[in-house]
Amino acid sequence: MGQQPSLTIINARIFDGTRAELVEGGVRIVDGIVAEAGPSVTGSGAADGDGGQVVDARGGVVIPGLIDAHCHAYGVGLDMVGIESEPLSYVALKAATRLGNALRRGFTTVRDVAGGDPGLARAIEEGLLAAPRYFYTGPALSQTGGHGDPRPGDRDLCVGHTHMTEIVDGVDGVRTAVRERFRRGAHAIKIMTSGGVVSLTDPIRRPQYSADEVRAITDEAARRGSYVAAHAYSPEAIEHSVTNGVRSIEHGNLLDEPTAKLMADHGAFLVPTLAAYDALDRRGDALGLNPISKAKNREVLAEGKRAIELARDAGVPVGFGTDLMGDLEDDQLVGLRLQVEVLGVLDALRSATSVNARLLGSDDLGRIGAGAAGDLVLFDGDPFDDPSLLWAAGGRTVVARGRVV
């Protein structure tokens, strides 16, 4: 295959993913990779005769492509039994639509932390569907009766599939499950170490999985050169996770100050998901959310922003995720607004770009500079002056793999 035509953005102000200062100039992308960025990139000879495209930003701000580190492509509804009862072909087709929507919003990379498989990943790599770069864990691991066990307590059901979660117990069982996920191309491993909002039988604060089981999982991941992400809300569950080797705490809404320091001491990341609780609070009734889940959501909703502040103040790297299931997916950009309300525009954008890239271990993502992936979002204006541009429905041009979406 020949080299794809270049893409050059000129007359822009550039946020490189880290520095507060915006740089005036342009970005030149060749064969999907940033070749040059900064004042030296101008309109003069930008296409170099290769038939490349030139986009005049007219003073707009360009940022690295956004990263959603807690996405659920297979989360096609709020009914977990329903999801696990659907044919994978149907779930994957719905997932393709959800991923395409995320890409058009400016999320050029997602980490799917409960689902994904090599078939969907291969289809994305082959360009069979428009989608972000796709990092997946495969089905999350849950203990019997844990957050990932979709069965109600008063019914005996056989849930035939493991699209988003798999019930696995015991040290030997979890070791085998982790090895199977890596065999199938998983980026990392997702486990449930506390109760959850949409699950009906588990107290939200209680730690899940034994220490021996968690250590077995993190040991397998570390020897593979990977890491473990844990669904955990309470200080007890977060401590249980990080002291047994977990690197990425998902949600963490009930975090307290001592546990935030513990996370920092262990080099753990926090991936908050404010969008999910806000959306469930506003839209749960219309979607038929169970009263048990509504009560759990109220408990964690009020504490989510405070948890981010505690993590930031303790020196914990704070990423960005959304955790939106079913029809709630269209609130993905609302998550940026909620995080801006806590951290401000600069740190919220760092969370959704360079911090998430560090979490993924991908130094070509989350930044703009030579050698970076050709994933960008160009805004018609300046989101540092008008933050609403970040969550507005339009007013942006998305570039993925060096091509305008």
Protein backbone atom coordinates (compact mmCIF):
# COMPACT_ATOMS: atom_id res chain seq x y z
CA MET A 1 0.00 0.00 0.00
CA GLY A 2 1.22 3.50 -0.80
CA GLN A 3 1.58 6.36 1.57
CA GLN A 4 -1.69 8.14 2.34
CA PRO A 5 -1.97 11.83 1.44
CA SER A 6 -0.72 14.26 4.06
CA LEU A 7 -2.94 16.49 6.18
CA THR A 8 -1.78 19.93 7.29
CA ILE A 9 -3.61 22.20 9.72
CA ILE A 10 -2.46 25.83 9.56
CA ASN A 11 -3.18 29.04 11.46
CA ALA A 12 -3.96 27.14 14.66
CA ARG A 13 -3.19 27.50 18.34
CA ILE A 14 -1.87 24.19 19.65
CA PHE A 15 -2.41 22.54 23.04
CA ASP A 16 0.20 19.80 23.10
CA GLY A 17 -1.52 17.73 25.80
CA THR A 18 0.59 18.94 28.71
CA ARG A 19 1.81 22.54 28.64
CA ALA A 20 -0.45 25.41 29.63
CA GLU A 21 0.95 27.66 26.90
CA LEU A 22 -0.68 27.39 23.50
CA VAL A 23 1.69 27.50 20.54
CA GLU A 24 0.72 29.33 17.38
CA GLY A 25 1.40 27.48 14.15
CA GLY A 26 0.28 24.29 12.49
CA VAL A 27 0.37 20.50 12.52
CA ARG A 28 1.53 18.38 9.61
CA ILE A 29 0.53 14.70 9.51
CA VAL A 30 2.16 12.28 7.09
CA ASP A 31 0.93 8.70 6.71
CA GLY A 32 -1.08 8.98 9.91
CA ILE A 33 1.79 10.27 12.08
CA VAL A 34 2.56 13.84 13.16
CA ALA A 35 5.68 14.85 11.22
CA GLU A 36 5.94 18.40 12.53
CA ALA A 37 4.05 20.78 14.79
CA GLY A 38 4.55 24.40 15.72
CA PRO A 39 5.33 27.78 14.15
CA SER A 40 7.32 26.25 11.29
CA VAL A 41 4.18 24.65 9.82
CA THR A 42 2.57 27.21 7.51
CA GLY A 43 0.41 27.22 4.44
CA SER A 44 3.39 27.63 2.16
CA GLY A 45 3.95 24.34 0.33
CA ALA A 46 1.99 22.52 3.00
CA ALA A 47 0.81 19.70 0.79
CA ASP A 48 4.22 19.19 -0.83
CA GLY A 49 2.56 18.13 -4.04
CA ASP A 50 1.37 14.80 -2.61
CA GLY A 51 -2.28 15.65 -3.03
CA GLY A 52 -2.56 16.28 0.68
CA GLN A 53 -5.30 18.28 2.37
CA VAL A 54 -4.78 21.67 4.00
CA VAL A 55 -7.19 22.83 6.70
CA ASP A 56 -7.14 26.49 7.78
CA ALA A 57 -7.92 26.62 11.50
CA ARG A 58 -8.51 30.39 11.34
CA GLY A 59 -7.14 30.84 14.85
CA GLY A 60 -8.98 27.87 16.36
CA VAL A 61 -7.42 25.60 18.97
CA VAL A 62 -6.23 22.10 18.17
CA ILE A 63 -5.80 19.49 20.91
CA PRO A 64 -4.76 15.83 20.91
CA GLY A 65 -7.54 13.37 20.22
CA LEU A 66 -9.54 12.71 23.38
CA ILE A 67 -9.24 9.41 25.26
CA ASP A 68 -12.14 7.82 27.15
CA ALA A 69 -10.48 5.38 29.54
CA HIS A 70 -13.73 3.88 30.81
CA CYS A 71 -15.89 3.08 27.81
CA HIS A 72 -18.37 0.22 27.38
CA ALA A 73 -18.80 -0.54 23.70
CA TYR A 74 -20.80 -3.66 24.56
CA GLY A 75 -22.89 -1.81 27.17
CA VAL A 76 -25.89 -1.63 24.86
CA GLY A 77 -28.41 -1.27 27.71
CA LEU A 78 -28.80 -1.01 31.47
CA ASP A 79 -30.14 -4.57 31.88
CA MET A 80 -27.09 -6.78 32.40
CA VAL A 81 -29.07 -10.00 32.09
CA GLY A 82 -30.44 -8.68 28.82
CA ILE A 83 -26.98 -7.87 27.47
CA GLU A 84 -25.58 -11.26 28.43
CA SER A 85 -28.56 -12.98 26.77
CA GLU A 86 -28.07 -11.30 23.38
CA PRO A 87 -26.16 -12.91 20.49
CA LEU A 88 -22.64 -11.52 20.24
CA SER A 89 -23.24 -10.58 16.60
CA TYR A 90 -26.03 -8.19 17.63
CA VAL A 91 -24.03 -6.74 20.53
CA ALA A 92 -20.99 -6.20 18.31
CA LEU A 93 -23.03 -4.40 15.65
CA LYS A 94 -24.50 -2.11 18.30
CA ALA A 95 -20.99 -1.62 19.67
CA ALA A 96 -19.79 -0.52 16.23
CA THR A 97 -22.43 2.21 16.19
CA ARG A 98 -21.52 3.33 19.72
CA LEU A 99 -17.84 3.49 18.83
CA GLY A 100 -18.54 5.49 15.69
CA ASN A 101 -20.55 7.99 17.71
CA ALA A 102 -17.67 8.35 20.19
CA LEU A 103 -15.22 9.01 17.36
CA ARG A 104 -17.37 11.78 15.89
CA ARG A 105 -17.46 13.46 19.30
CA GLY A 106 -13.66 13.61 19.29
CA PHE A 107 -12.74 10.49 21.24
CA THR A 108 -10.09 9.01 19.00
CA THR A 109 -9.07 6.35 21.56
CA VAL A 110 -11.15 4.36 24.04
CA ARG A 111 -10.33 1.78 26.67
CA ASP A 112 -13.15 -0.76 26.94
CA VAL A 113 -12.97 -2.06 30.51
CA ALA A 114 -15.67 -4.72 30.36
CA GLY A 115 -15.90 -6.31 26.95
CA GLY A 116 -14.27 -6.40 23.58
CA ASP A 117 -12.80 -9.30 21.68
CA PRO A 118 -10.25 -9.91 18.92
CA GLY A 119 -12.93 -9.91 16.22
CA LEU A 120 -14.11 -6.38 16.94
CA ALA A 121 -10.53 -5.19 17.40
CA ARG A 122 -9.50 -6.72 14.08
CA ALA A 123 -12.43 -5.13 12.25
CA ILE A 124 -11.37 -1.73 13.59
CA GLU A 125 -7.73 -2.24 12.61
CA GLU A 126 -8.76 -3.30 9.10
CA GLY A 127 -10.89 -0.19 8.71
CA LEU A 128 -14.16 -2.09 8.39
CA LEU A 129 -15.83 0.42 10.66
CA ALA A 130 -15.15 3.98 11.74
CA ALA A 131 -14.05 3.73 15.36
CA PRO A 132 -11.52 5.05 17.85
CA ARG A 133 -8.32 3.17 18.61
CA TYR A 134 -9.56 0.30 20.71
CA PHE A 135 -7.94 -1.00 23.89
CA TYR A 136 -10.01 -3.78 25.44
CA THR A 137 -9.90 -5.98 28.54
CA GLY A 138 -12.34 -8.66 27.50
CA PRO A 139 -15.08 -9.52 29.99
CA ALA A 140 -14.48 -8.14 33.47
CA LEU A 141 -13.89 -10.68 36.24
CA SER A 142 -16.43 -10.88 39.06
CA GLN A 143 -16.82 -13.13 42.06
CA THR A 144 -20.10 -14.96 42.54
CA GLY A 145 -22.59 -12.39 43.83
CA GLY A 146 -20.24 -9.55 42.93
CA HIS A 147 -20.82 -6.45 40.85
CA GLY A 148 -20.43 -8.35 37.59
CA ASP A 149 -22.87 -11.11 38.53
CA PRO A 150 -26.03 -10.03 36.68
CA ARG A 151 -28.39 -12.53 38.33
CA PRO A 152 -30.98 -11.18 40.78
CA GLY A 153 -30.85 -12.76 44.20
CA ASP A 154 -34.35 -14.19 44.03
CA ARG A 155 -33.97 -15.95 40.67
CA ASP A 156 -31.86 -18.86 39.46
CA LEU A 157 -30.84 -17.99 35.93
CA CYS A 158 -28.31 -19.43 33.53
CA VAL A 159 -26.73 -16.46 31.77
CA GLY A 160 -25.21 -18.06 28.72
CA HIS A 161 -22.77 -15.45 27.46
CA THR A 162 -19.87 -13.46 28.89
CA HIS A 163 -20.00 -10.34 26.72
CA MET A 164 -19.20 -7.85 29.50
CA THR A 165 -18.51 -9.88 32.63
CA GLU A 166 -17.60 -13.41 33.65
CA ILE A 167 -18.13 -14.98 37.07
CA VAL A 168 -14.83 -16.59 38.12
CA ASP A 169 -13.94 -17.74 41.64
CA GLY A 170 -10.79 -19.08 43.26
CA VAL A 171 -7.08 -18.49 42.71
CA ASP A 172 -6.74 -21.15 40.04
CA GLY A 173 -9.88 -19.96 38.29
CA VAL A 174 -8.83 -16.34 38.05
CA ARG A 175 -5.31 -17.23 36.91
CA THR A 176 -6.70 -19.24 34.02
CA ALA A 177 -9.16 -16.47 33.14
CA VAL A 178 -6.41 -13.84 33.05
CA ARG A 179 -4.22 -15.98 30.83
CA GLU A 180 -7.15 -16.56 28.48
CA ARG A 181 -7.76 -12.84 28.14
CA PHE A 182 -4.17 -12.13 27.24
CA ARG A 183 -4.27 -14.98 24.75
CA ARG A 184 -7.15 -13.14 23.10
CA GLY A 185 -5.30 -9.84 22.86
CA ALA A 186 -6.48 -8.01 25.97
CA HIS A 187 -4.72 -4.74 26.76
CA ALA A 188 -5.28 -5.11 30.51
CA ILE A 189 -7.49 -6.96 33.00
CA LYS A 190 -10.65 -5.56 34.62
CA ILE A 191 -11.89 -6.87 37.97
CA MET A 192 -14.71 -5.96 40.34
CA THR A 193 -13.51 -5.27 43.86
CA SER A 194 -16.56 -3.53 45.30
CA GLY A 195 -20.30 -3.43 44.83
CA GLY A 196 -21.82 -1.37 42.03
CA VAL A 197 -24.78 0.79 41.10
CA VAL A 198 -26.57 -1.34 38.51
CA SER A 199 -25.96 -4.68 40.29
CA LEU A 200 -28.71 -5.52 42.77
CA THR A 201 -27.29 -8.02 45.27
CA ASP A 202 -23.99 -6.51 46.45
CA PRO A 203 -23.41 -3.76 49.07
CA ILE A 204 -21.59 -0.94 47.35
CA ARG A 205 -18.87 -0.45 50.01
CA ARG A 206 -17.82 -4.04 50.68
CA PRO A 207 -14.56 -5.27 49.13
CA GLN A 208 -14.90 -8.16 46.70
CA TYR A 209 -12.52 -10.99 45.81
CA SER A 210 -10.10 -12.26 48.44
CA ALA A 211 -6.61 -10.83 48.72
CA ASP A 212 -5.20 -14.09 47.34
CA GLU A 213 -7.45 -13.87 44.28
CA VAL A 214 -6.57 -10.22 43.60
CA ARG A 215 -2.84 -10.93 43.99
CA ALA A 216 -3.10 -13.87 41.60
CA ILE A 217 -4.70 -11.61 38.99
CA THR A 218 -2.22 -8.76 39.37
CA ASP A 219 0.72 -11.19 39.39
CA GLU A 220 -0.37 -12.71 36.09
CA ALA A 221 -0.87 -9.26 34.55
CA ALA A 222 2.50 -7.95 35.77
CA ARG A 223 4.36 -10.94 34.36
CA ARG A 224 2.64 -10.22 31.05
CA GLY A 225 3.85 -6.60 31.19
CA SER A 226 0.32 -5.36 31.72
CA TYR A 227 -1.83 -4.14 34.62
CA VAL A 228 -5.19 -4.48 36.37
CA ALA A 229 -8.05 -1.98 36.52
CA ALA A 230 -10.48 -2.39 39.41
CA HIS A 231 -14.04 -1.20 39.81
CA ALA A 232 -13.92 0.15 43.37
CA TYR A 233 -15.89 2.84 45.22
CA SER A 234 -15.08 2.76 48.92
CA PRO A 235 -11.84 3.38 50.81
CA GLU A 236 -11.93 -0.24 51.98
CA ALA A 237 -12.22 -1.57 48.43
CA ILE A 238 -9.62 0.84 47.04
CA GLU A 239 -7.12 -0.10 49.75
CA HIS A 240 -7.85 -3.79 49.15
CA SER A 241 -7.13 -3.24 45.45
CA VAL A 242 -3.97 -1.13 45.43
CA THR A 243 -2.22 -2.98 48.26
CA ASN A 244 -2.68 -6.16 46.23
CA GLY A 245 -1.22 -4.72 43.03
CA VAL A 246 -4.05 -2.96 41.16
CA ARG A 247 -2.83 0.01 39.09
CA SER A 248 -6.04 1.70 37.92
CA ILE A 249 -8.98 2.50 40.21
CA GLU A 250 -12.21 2.99 38.29
CA HIS A 251 -14.83 5.36 39.77
CA GLY A 252 -13.44 5.77 43.33
CA ASN A 253 -16.30 8.07 44.33
CA LEU A 254 -16.11 7.40 48.08
CA LEU A 255 -12.35 8.00 48.28
CA ASP A 256 -11.04 9.59 51.49
CA GLU A 257 -7.81 11.48 52.19
CA PRO A 258 -5.75 8.62 53.72
CA THR A 259 -6.70 6.29 50.88
CA ALA A 260 -5.83 8.92 48.29
CA LYS A 261 -2.34 9.11 49.84
CA LEU A 262 -2.15 5.31 49.74
CA MET A 263 -2.98 5.38 46.03
CA ALA A 264 -0.25 7.93 45.40
CA ASP A 265 2.26 5.86 47.37
CA HIS A 266 1.45 2.82 45.19
CA GLY A 267 1.55 4.76 41.91
CA ALA A 268 -2.12 4.06 41.19
CA PHE A 269 -4.29 6.08 38.78
CA LEU A 270 -7.84 7.25 39.40
CA VAL A 271 -10.26 7.11 36.46
CA PRO A 272 -13.37 9.02 37.57
CA THR A 273 -16.63 8.55 35.69
CA LEU A 274 -18.78 11.51 36.72
CA ALA A 275 -20.90 11.37 33.57
CA ALA A 276 -22.50 8.05 34.49
CA TYR A 277 -23.95 9.13 37.85
CA ASP A 278 -25.11 12.49 36.57
CA ALA A 279 -26.86 10.80 33.62
CA LEU A 280 -28.48 8.10 35.79
CA ASP A 281 -29.71 10.77 38.21
CA ARG A 282 -31.31 12.84 35.44
CA ARG A 283 -32.50 10.06 33.14
CA GLY A 284 -32.82 6.94 35.28
CA ASP A 285 -36.58 7.11 35.71
CA ALA A 286 -37.18 7.38 31.97
CA LEU A 287 -34.98 4.33 31.41
CA GLY A 288 -36.66 2.25 34.10
CA LEU A 289 -33.72 2.17 36.52
CA ASN A 290 -34.35 -0.19 39.43
CA PRO A 291 -35.08 1.56 42.79
CA ILE A 292 -32.12 -0.27 44.38
CA SER A 293 -29.83 1.14 41.72
CA LYS A 294 -31.30 4.62 42.10
CA ALA A 295 -30.52 4.58 45.82
CA LYS A 296 -26.95 3.39 45.19
CA ASN A 297 -26.48 6.07 42.55
CA ARG A 298 -27.52 8.81 44.96
CA GLU A 299 -24.89 7.59 47.43
CA VAL A 300 -21.99 7.92 45.00
CA LEU A 301 -23.23 10.90 42.94
CA ALA A 302 -22.64 13.50 45.61
CA GLU A 303 -19.11 12.33 46.41
CA GLY A 304 -17.61 11.97 42.93
CA LYS A 305 -16.22 15.48 42.54
CA ARG A 306 -14.76 15.50 46.04
CA ALA A 307 -12.92 12.26 45.26
CA ILE A 308 -11.22 13.92 42.27
CA GLU A 309 -10.11 16.83 44.46
CA LEU A 310 -8.67 14.47 47.08
CA ALA A 311 -6.83 12.45 44.45
CA ARG A 312 -5.39 15.56 42.78
CA ASP A 313 -4.24 17.02 46.09
CA ALA A 314 -2.54 13.73 47.03
CA GLY A 315 -0.65 13.60 43.74
CA VAL A 316 -2.65 10.74 42.20
CA PRO A 317 -2.76 10.91 38.37
CA VAL A 318 -6.40 11.62 37.49
CA GLY A 319 -7.59 10.28 34.15
CA PHE A 320 -10.96 10.58 32.46
CA GLY A 321 -13.75 8.09 31.77
CA THR A 322 -17.50 8.07 31.22
CA ASP A 323 -18.96 4.58 31.93
CA LEU A 324 -22.14 5.28 29.94
CA MET A 325 -24.43 2.36 29.18
CA GLY A 326 -27.25 2.11 26.67
CA ASP A 327 -28.94 5.33 25.57
CA LEU A 328 -26.85 7.31 28.06
CA GLU A 329 -23.91 7.24 25.61
CA ASP A 330 -24.90 10.61 24.20
CA ASP A 331 -23.82 12.21 27.51
CA GLN A 332 -20.16 11.41 26.79
CA LEU A 333 -19.18 15.06 26.32
CA VAL A 334 -21.09 16.01 29.49
CA GLY A 335 -18.34 14.15 31.31
CA LEU A 336 -15.88 16.81 30.16
CA ARG A 337 -18.09 19.55 31.57
CA LEU A 338 -18.33 17.82 34.94
CA GLN A 339 -14.57 17.30 35.14
CA VAL A 340 -13.89 20.90 34.09
CA GLU A 341 -16.09 22.00 36.99
CA VAL A 342 -13.66 20.27 39.37
CA LEU A 343 -10.25 20.63 37.72
CA GLY A 344 -10.60 23.53 35.29
CA VAL A 345 -10.09 23.31 31.54
CA LEU A 346 -6.33 22.69 31.50
CA ASP A 347 -6.24 19.78 33.93
CA ALA A 348 -9.46 18.26 32.59
CA LEU A 349 -7.92 18.21 29.10
CA ARG A 350 -4.70 16.77 30.48
CA SER A 351 -6.78 14.03 32.11
CA ALA A 352 -8.47 13.16 28.81
CA THR A 353 -5.23 13.27 26.80
CA SER A 354 -1.74 12.92 28.28
CA VAL A 355 -2.71 11.35 31.64
CA ASN A 356 -4.88 8.72 29.98
CA ALA A 357 -2.09 8.05 27.49
CA ARG A 358 0.30 7.35 30.39
CA LEU A 359 -2.28 5.01 31.86
CA LEU A 360 -2.44 3.15 28.57
CA GLY A 361 1.33 3.10 28.28
CA SER A 362 1.17 4.69 24.82
CA ASP A 363 3.61 7.56 24.37
CA ASP A 364 2.33 8.29 20.86
CA LEU A 365 -1.15 9.17 22.14
CA GLY A 366 -2.44 12.14 24.12
CA ARG A 367 0.09 14.61 22.74
CA ILE A 368 0.87 16.72 19.67
CA GLY A 369 4.46 16.59 18.51
CA ALA A 370 6.72 14.79 16.07
CA GLY A 371 6.11 11.06 16.17
CA ALA A 372 2.70 11.31 17.80
CA ALA A 373 -0.35 9.61 16.38
CA GLY A 374 -2.26 11.73 13.89
CA ASP A 375 -5.31 12.06 16.15
CA LEU A 376 -6.54 15.61 16.75
CA VAL A 377 -9.59 17.69 17.55
CA LEU A 378 -9.78 21.17 16.04
CA PHE A 379 -12.22 23.61 17.64
CA ASP A 380 -13.67 26.60 15.84
CA GLY A 381 -12.78 28.73 18.85
CA ASP A 382 -10.76 28.58 22.07
CA PRO A 383 -12.09 26.19 24.75
CA PHE A 384 -9.75 27.75 27.30
CA ASP A 385 -11.71 30.99 26.91
CA ASP A 386 -15.08 29.31 26.23
CA PRO A 387 -15.11 25.86 27.88
CA SER A 388 -18.58 25.11 26.52
CA LEU A 389 -16.93 24.37 23.17
CA LEU A 390 -15.71 21.11 24.73
CA TRP A 391 -19.21 19.74 25.26
CA ALA A 392 -21.08 21.50 22.47
CA ALA A 393 -22.64 19.25 19.85
CA GLY A 394 -20.72 20.83 16.96
CA GLY A 395 -17.97 23.31 16.28
CA ARG A 396 -15.18 20.74 15.95
CA THR A 397 -13.25 18.87 13.31
CA VAL A 398 -12.04 15.41 14.30
CA VAL A 399 -8.91 13.89 12.78
CA ALA A 400 -8.18 10.19 13.32
CA ARG A 401 -5.15 8.37 11.94
CA GLY A 402 -4.36 11.42 9.84
CA ARG A 403 -7.75 11.66 8.15
CA VAL A 404 -10.65 14.04 8.76
CA VAL A 405 -13.56 12.06 10.19
